Each structure stands twice: as structure tokens, then as C-alpha cells.
Amino acid sequence: MSGQIDRPKVRRMGKTDVMAHFVEHFAARGLTLGRADAREFLEELHRLCVQQLNDTGEFTLPRMAKFVLRQRPARNGRNPATGEAIRIEARKVVTVRVAQQLKGSLQA
């Protein structure tokens, strides 16, 4: 078991789909938001996230998630193909904590 929940086959949204959703959402409310504006918003959100992770080590999307920069120490590991012992270098990783508001909004 992979832990995945069986869901009806619905196509996953990509960047273009997300931009189109925002354009349609604002148009339905009588507001003008072009595709270029939606793209710029997503790109600026990405830039802000990277900047905040580099500056403070964390970035929060209110009611959705918190991204936290962590330092993983160097450790010994094994090459899964050969079984040979290898040294895995220290590195930075980003972890994501899902907000309680999002968890509580999900359908059972």
C-alpha cells in the first residue's frame, strides 16, 4: 500500500490551469486579471518564498502551509544498486507543514 487515497480520475492542475482559474475567478466577479497578471503573481509568490526561506528559514502561506528550511547533516548510506557504502553530504532541504485550516477543510 502506498498510503494514497483512491480518487476519481481528475486531471491534476498545472501552472497554466492555475493561472486560467484565477483569470476566470476574477472575471466572474467583474474584475480584470489577465493571464500575464496571473503568471506574474505566481512568479512573485515563488520569488517571495525563496527570499524568505533564504533570509529567515521559513515562509508561511496563511491557512495553507508553512515551508521550513532545514539543514540535514552528513551521514553514511548505501548505494541501493551495489550495496556499496557511500558518504551522503550535508544539505539544505525544505519541509512543508500543512496548516490545520487546510486539514480541517478536506472532505472525508
N, C-alpha and C. Protein backbone atom coordinates (compact mmCIF):
# COMPACT_ATOMS: atom_id res chain seq x y z
N MET A 1 0.84 -1.19 0.00
CA MET A 1 0.00 0.00 0.00
C MET A 1 0.88 1.24 0.00
N SER A 2 0.49 2.21 -0.80
CA SER A 2 1.27 3.44 -0.90
C SER A 2 0.76 4.53 0.02
N GLY A 3 -0.40 4.33 0.64
CA GLY A 3 -0.95 5.36 1.51
C GLY A 3 -1.77 6.38 0.75
N GLN A 4 -1.86 6.23 -0.55
CA GLN A 4 -2.63 7.17 -1.36
C GLN A 4 -4.11 6.83 -1.26
N ILE A 5 -4.94 7.86 -1.33
CA ILE A 5 -6.38 7.69 -1.28
C ILE A 5 -6.89 7.52 -2.71
N ASP A 6 -7.75 6.52 -2.93
CA ASP A 6 -8.34 6.34 -4.25
C ASP A 6 -9.29 7.48 -4.54
N ARG A 7 -9.09 8.13 -5.68
CA ARG A 7 -9.92 9.26 -6.08
C ARG A 7 -10.35 9.04 -7.53
N PRO A 8 -11.48 9.65 -7.91
CA PRO A 8 -11.85 9.58 -9.32
C PRO A 8 -10.75 10.21 -10.17
N LYS A 9 -10.60 9.73 -11.38
CA LYS A 9 -9.56 10.23 -12.28
C LYS A 9 -9.91 11.64 -12.75
N VAL A 10 -9.31 12.63 -12.11
CA VAL A 10 -9.45 14.04 -12.49
C VAL A 10 -8.05 14.54 -12.77
N ARG A 11 -7.92 15.27 -13.86
CA ARG A 11 -6.60 15.76 -14.25
C ARG A 11 -6.07 16.75 -13.22
N ARG A 12 -4.82 16.57 -12.82
CA ARG A 12 -4.15 17.45 -11.88
C ARG A 12 -3.88 18.79 -12.53
N MET A 13 -4.05 19.87 -11.78
CA MET A 13 -3.85 21.22 -12.32
C MET A 13 -2.36 21.53 -12.42
N GLY A 14 -1.97 22.11 -13.54
CA GLY A 14 -0.61 22.61 -13.73
C GLY A 14 -0.61 24.13 -13.60
N LYS A 15 0.53 24.73 -13.86
CA LYS A 15 0.67 26.18 -13.73
C LYS A 15 -0.32 26.92 -14.63
N THR A 16 -0.46 26.47 -15.88
CA THR A 16 -1.38 27.11 -16.81
C THR A 16 -2.82 27.01 -16.32
N ASP A 17 -3.18 25.85 -15.77
CA ASP A 17 -4.53 25.65 -15.25
C ASP A 17 -4.81 26.57 -14.06
N VAL A 18 -3.83 26.72 -13.19
CA VAL A 18 -3.98 27.60 -12.02
C VAL A 18 -4.16 29.04 -12.48
N MET A 19 -3.36 29.47 -13.45
CA MET A 19 -3.48 30.84 -13.97
C MET A 19 -4.87 31.04 -14.59
N ALA A 20 -5.33 30.08 -15.38
CA ALA A 20 -6.64 30.19 -16.02
C ALA A 20 -7.75 30.25 -14.96
N HIS A 21 -7.60 29.49 -13.88
CA HIS A 21 -8.59 29.52 -12.81
C HIS A 21 -8.70 30.92 -12.21
N PHE A 22 -7.56 31.54 -11.92
CA PHE A 22 -7.58 32.89 -11.34
C PHE A 22 -8.20 33.90 -12.30
N VAL A 23 -7.87 33.80 -13.59
CA VAL A 23 -8.44 34.71 -14.58
C VAL A 23 -9.97 34.56 -14.60
N GLU A 24 -10.46 33.33 -14.64
CA GLU A 24 -11.91 33.08 -14.66
C GLU A 24 -12.57 33.52 -13.36
N HIS A 25 -11.93 33.24 -12.23
CA HIS A 25 -12.47 33.60 -10.92
C HIS A 25 -12.70 35.11 -10.82
N PHE A 26 -11.70 35.89 -11.21
CA PHE A 26 -11.82 37.34 -11.11
C PHE A 26 -12.76 37.90 -12.17
N ALA A 27 -12.78 37.30 -13.36
CA ALA A 27 -13.70 37.75 -14.41
C ALA A 27 -15.15 37.56 -13.98
N ALA A 28 -15.45 36.46 -13.27
CA ALA A 28 -16.81 36.20 -12.79
C ALA A 28 -17.25 37.25 -11.77
N ARG A 29 -16.31 37.93 -11.16
CA ARG A 29 -16.61 38.97 -10.18
C ARG A 29 -16.48 40.37 -10.76
N GLY A 30 -16.34 40.44 -12.10
CA GLY A 30 -16.27 41.73 -12.77
C GLY A 30 -14.93 42.41 -12.67
N LEU A 31 -13.90 41.68 -12.29
CA LEU A 31 -12.56 42.26 -12.16
C LEU A 31 -11.69 41.76 -13.30
N THR A 32 -10.79 42.58 -13.74
CA THR A 32 -9.91 42.20 -14.85
C THR A 32 -8.58 41.72 -14.32
N LEU A 33 -8.27 40.49 -14.65
CA LEU A 33 -6.96 39.90 -14.33
C LEU A 33 -6.55 39.11 -15.56
N GLY A 34 -5.52 39.55 -16.23
CA GLY A 34 -5.07 38.86 -17.43
C GLY A 34 -4.20 37.67 -17.10
N ARG A 35 -3.97 36.84 -18.11
CA ARG A 35 -3.11 35.67 -17.91
C ARG A 35 -1.70 36.09 -17.50
N ALA A 36 -1.21 37.17 -18.09
CA ALA A 36 0.13 37.66 -17.73
C ALA A 36 0.16 38.11 -16.27
N ASP A 37 -0.93 38.72 -15.80
CA ASP A 37 -1.01 39.14 -14.40
C ASP A 37 -1.00 37.93 -13.47
N ALA A 38 -1.76 36.90 -13.83
CA ALA A 38 -1.81 35.69 -13.02
C ALA A 38 -0.44 35.01 -12.99
N ARG A 39 0.24 34.97 -14.15
CA ARG A 39 1.58 34.38 -14.21
C ARG A 39 2.54 35.16 -13.33
N GLU A 40 2.48 36.50 -13.42
CA GLU A 40 3.37 37.35 -12.61
C GLU A 40 3.11 37.15 -11.13
N PHE A 41 1.83 36.99 -10.75
CA PHE A 41 1.50 36.74 -9.34
C PHE A 41 2.16 35.45 -8.86
N LEU A 42 2.03 34.37 -9.63
CA LEU A 42 2.63 33.09 -9.22
C LEU A 42 4.15 33.18 -9.17
N GLU A 43 4.75 33.87 -10.13
CA GLU A 43 6.21 34.01 -10.13
C GLU A 43 6.69 34.86 -8.96
N GLU A 44 5.94 35.91 -8.63
CA GLU A 44 6.32 36.75 -7.48
C GLU A 44 6.15 35.98 -6.17
N LEU A 45 5.11 35.16 -6.08
CA LEU A 45 4.92 34.33 -4.89
C LEU A 45 6.10 33.38 -4.73
N HIS A 46 6.57 32.81 -5.82
CA HIS A 46 7.74 31.93 -5.78
C HIS A 46 8.98 32.70 -5.33
N ARG A 47 9.20 33.88 -5.93
CA ARG A 47 10.36 34.70 -5.55
C ARG A 47 10.32 35.07 -4.07
N LEU A 48 9.15 35.44 -3.58
CA LEU A 48 8.99 35.80 -2.17
C LEU A 48 9.29 34.61 -1.27
N CYS A 49 8.81 33.44 -1.65
CA CYS A 49 9.06 32.22 -0.88
C CYS A 49 10.56 31.94 -0.80
N VAL A 50 11.25 32.00 -1.92
CA VAL A 50 12.70 31.74 -1.95
C VAL A 50 13.43 32.78 -1.10
N GLN A 51 13.06 34.05 -1.24
CA GLN A 51 13.71 35.11 -0.47
C GLN A 51 13.52 34.90 1.03
N GLN A 52 12.31 34.60 1.45
CA GLN A 52 12.04 34.41 2.87
C GLN A 52 12.73 33.16 3.41
N LEU A 53 12.78 32.09 2.63
CA LEU A 53 13.49 30.89 3.08
C LEU A 53 14.97 31.18 3.25
N ASN A 54 15.55 31.94 2.32
CA ASN A 54 16.97 32.29 2.43
C ASN A 54 17.23 33.25 3.59
N ASP A 55 16.31 34.21 3.81
CA ASP A 55 16.52 35.23 4.85
C ASP A 55 16.16 34.74 6.25
N THR A 56 15.03 34.05 6.40
CA THR A 56 14.54 33.70 7.73
C THR A 56 14.44 32.21 7.98
N GLY A 57 14.51 31.40 6.92
CA GLY A 57 14.42 29.95 7.10
C GLY A 57 13.00 29.42 7.08
N GLU A 58 12.01 30.30 6.90
CA GLU A 58 10.63 29.81 6.80
C GLU A 58 9.77 30.79 6.00
N PHE A 59 8.68 30.23 5.45
CA PHE A 59 7.72 31.02 4.68
C PHE A 59 6.34 30.42 4.92
N THR A 60 5.37 31.27 5.25
CA THR A 60 4.02 30.79 5.55
C THR A 60 3.03 31.29 4.52
N LEU A 61 2.25 30.36 3.99
CA LEU A 61 1.08 30.70 3.19
C LEU A 61 -0.10 30.54 4.13
N PRO A 62 -0.65 31.65 4.63
CA PRO A 62 -1.69 31.58 5.65
C PRO A 62 -2.84 30.66 5.23
N ARG A 63 -3.29 29.84 6.17
CA ARG A 63 -4.39 28.89 6.02
C ARG A 63 -4.07 27.73 5.10
N MET A 64 -2.80 27.64 4.60
CA MET A 64 -2.45 26.54 3.70
C MET A 64 -1.26 25.73 4.19
N ALA A 65 -0.09 26.38 4.31
CA ALA A 65 1.11 25.61 4.64
C ALA A 65 2.22 26.53 5.12
N LYS A 66 3.19 25.90 5.78
CA LYS A 66 4.38 26.60 6.23
C LYS A 66 5.58 25.84 5.68
N PHE A 67 6.46 26.55 4.95
CA PHE A 67 7.67 25.96 4.41
C PHE A 67 8.81 26.28 5.37
N VAL A 68 9.60 25.27 5.73
CA VAL A 68 10.69 25.46 6.68
C VAL A 68 11.98 24.90 6.08
N LEU A 69 13.04 25.70 6.11
CA LEU A 69 14.35 25.29 5.61
C LEU A 69 15.08 24.56 6.73
N ARG A 70 15.55 23.35 6.45
CA ARG A 70 16.26 22.54 7.43
C ARG A 70 17.64 22.16 6.89
N GLN A 71 18.58 21.97 7.80
CA GLN A 71 19.91 21.50 7.45
C GLN A 71 19.99 20.02 7.80
N ARG A 72 20.19 19.17 6.80
CA ARG A 72 20.37 17.74 7.05
C ARG A 72 21.85 17.48 7.21
N PRO A 73 22.26 16.81 8.27
CA PRO A 73 23.69 16.56 8.48
C PRO A 73 24.21 15.49 7.51
N ALA A 74 25.52 15.47 7.34
CA ALA A 74 26.15 14.43 6.54
C ALA A 74 25.96 13.09 7.24
N ARG A 75 25.87 12.02 6.46
CA ARG A 75 25.66 10.70 7.06
C ARG A 75 26.19 9.63 6.12
N ASN A 76 26.29 8.43 6.65
CA ASN A 76 26.71 7.29 5.84
C ASN A 76 25.46 6.63 5.28
N GLY A 77 25.57 6.13 4.05
CA GLY A 77 24.44 5.46 3.42
C GLY A 77 24.95 4.33 2.56
N ARG A 78 24.04 3.74 1.79
CA ARG A 78 24.40 2.64 0.90
C ARG A 78 23.86 2.90 -0.49
N ASN A 79 24.65 2.57 -1.48
CA ASN A 79 24.19 2.62 -2.86
C ASN A 79 23.20 1.47 -3.03
N PRO A 80 21.92 1.76 -3.35
CA PRO A 80 20.93 0.69 -3.43
C PRO A 80 21.20 -0.31 -4.56
N ALA A 81 21.91 0.11 -5.58
CA ALA A 81 22.18 -0.79 -6.70
C ALA A 81 23.31 -1.77 -6.40
N THR A 82 24.34 -1.28 -5.70
CA THR A 82 25.52 -2.12 -5.47
C THR A 82 25.70 -2.54 -4.01
N GLY A 83 25.05 -1.84 -3.10
CA GLY A 83 25.24 -2.13 -1.67
C GLY A 83 26.49 -1.50 -1.10
N GLU A 84 27.24 -0.78 -1.94
CA GLU A 84 28.48 -0.14 -1.51
C GLU A 84 28.19 0.99 -0.53
N ALA A 85 29.01 1.10 0.53
CA ALA A 85 28.87 2.19 1.50
C ALA A 85 29.29 3.50 0.83
N ILE A 86 28.48 4.54 1.05
CA ILE A 86 28.77 5.85 0.47
C ILE A 86 28.58 6.92 1.54
N ARG A 87 29.18 8.07 1.32
CA ARG A 87 29.04 9.21 2.21
C ARG A 87 28.03 10.17 1.58
N ILE A 88 26.98 10.50 2.30
CA ILE A 88 25.97 11.44 1.83
C ILE A 88 26.29 12.78 2.49
N GLU A 89 26.54 13.78 1.67
CA GLU A 89 26.95 15.10 2.16
C GLU A 89 25.80 15.82 2.85
N ALA A 90 26.15 16.77 3.72
CA ALA A 90 25.16 17.63 4.37
C ALA A 90 24.48 18.48 3.29
N ARG A 91 23.20 18.80 3.51
CA ARG A 91 22.49 19.62 2.53
C ARG A 91 21.30 20.30 3.18
N LYS A 92 20.80 21.31 2.49
CA LYS A 92 19.61 22.01 2.94
C LYS A 92 18.40 21.38 2.26
N VAL A 93 17.32 21.22 3.01
CA VAL A 93 16.07 20.70 2.45
C VAL A 93 14.92 21.57 2.93
N VAL A 94 13.86 21.60 2.16
CA VAL A 94 12.65 22.34 2.54
C VAL A 94 11.59 21.34 2.94
N THR A 95 11.03 21.52 4.13
CA THR A 95 9.92 20.68 4.58
C THR A 95 8.67 21.54 4.59
N VAL A 96 7.52 20.88 4.45
CA VAL A 96 6.25 21.58 4.39
C VAL A 96 5.35 21.04 5.49
N ARG A 97 4.78 21.95 6.26
CA ARG A 97 3.79 21.59 7.28
C ARG A 97 2.45 22.12 6.81
N VAL A 98 1.48 21.23 6.69
CA VAL A 98 0.16 21.63 6.23
C VAL A 98 -0.58 22.29 7.39
N ALA A 99 -1.24 23.42 7.11
CA ALA A 99 -1.96 24.18 8.14
C ALA A 99 -3.21 23.42 8.58
N GLN A 100 -3.55 23.59 9.85
CA GLN A 100 -4.75 22.95 10.40
C GLN A 100 -6.01 23.37 9.65
N GLN A 101 -6.08 24.63 9.21
CA GLN A 101 -7.26 25.11 8.48
C GLN A 101 -7.46 24.32 7.19
N LEU A 102 -6.36 23.98 6.52
CA LEU A 102 -6.47 23.20 5.29
C LEU A 102 -6.87 21.76 5.60
N LYS A 103 -6.25 21.18 6.61
CA LYS A 103 -6.59 19.81 7.00
C LYS A 103 -8.07 19.71 7.36
N GLY A 104 -8.57 20.69 8.09
CA GLY A 104 -9.97 20.68 8.51
C GLY A 104 -10.95 20.91 7.37
N SER A 105 -10.48 21.46 6.26
CA SER A 105 -11.35 21.75 5.12
C SER A 105 -11.49 20.57 4.16
N LEU A 106 -10.65 19.55 4.31
CA LEU A 106 -10.68 18.43 3.39
C LEU A 106 -11.88 17.54 3.63
N GLN A 107 -12.42 17.02 2.55
CA GLN A 107 -13.58 16.12 2.65
C GLN A 107 -13.11 14.76 3.15
N ALA A 108 -13.96 14.10 3.88
CA ALA A 108 -13.64 12.78 4.42
C ALA A 108 -13.62 11.72 3.35
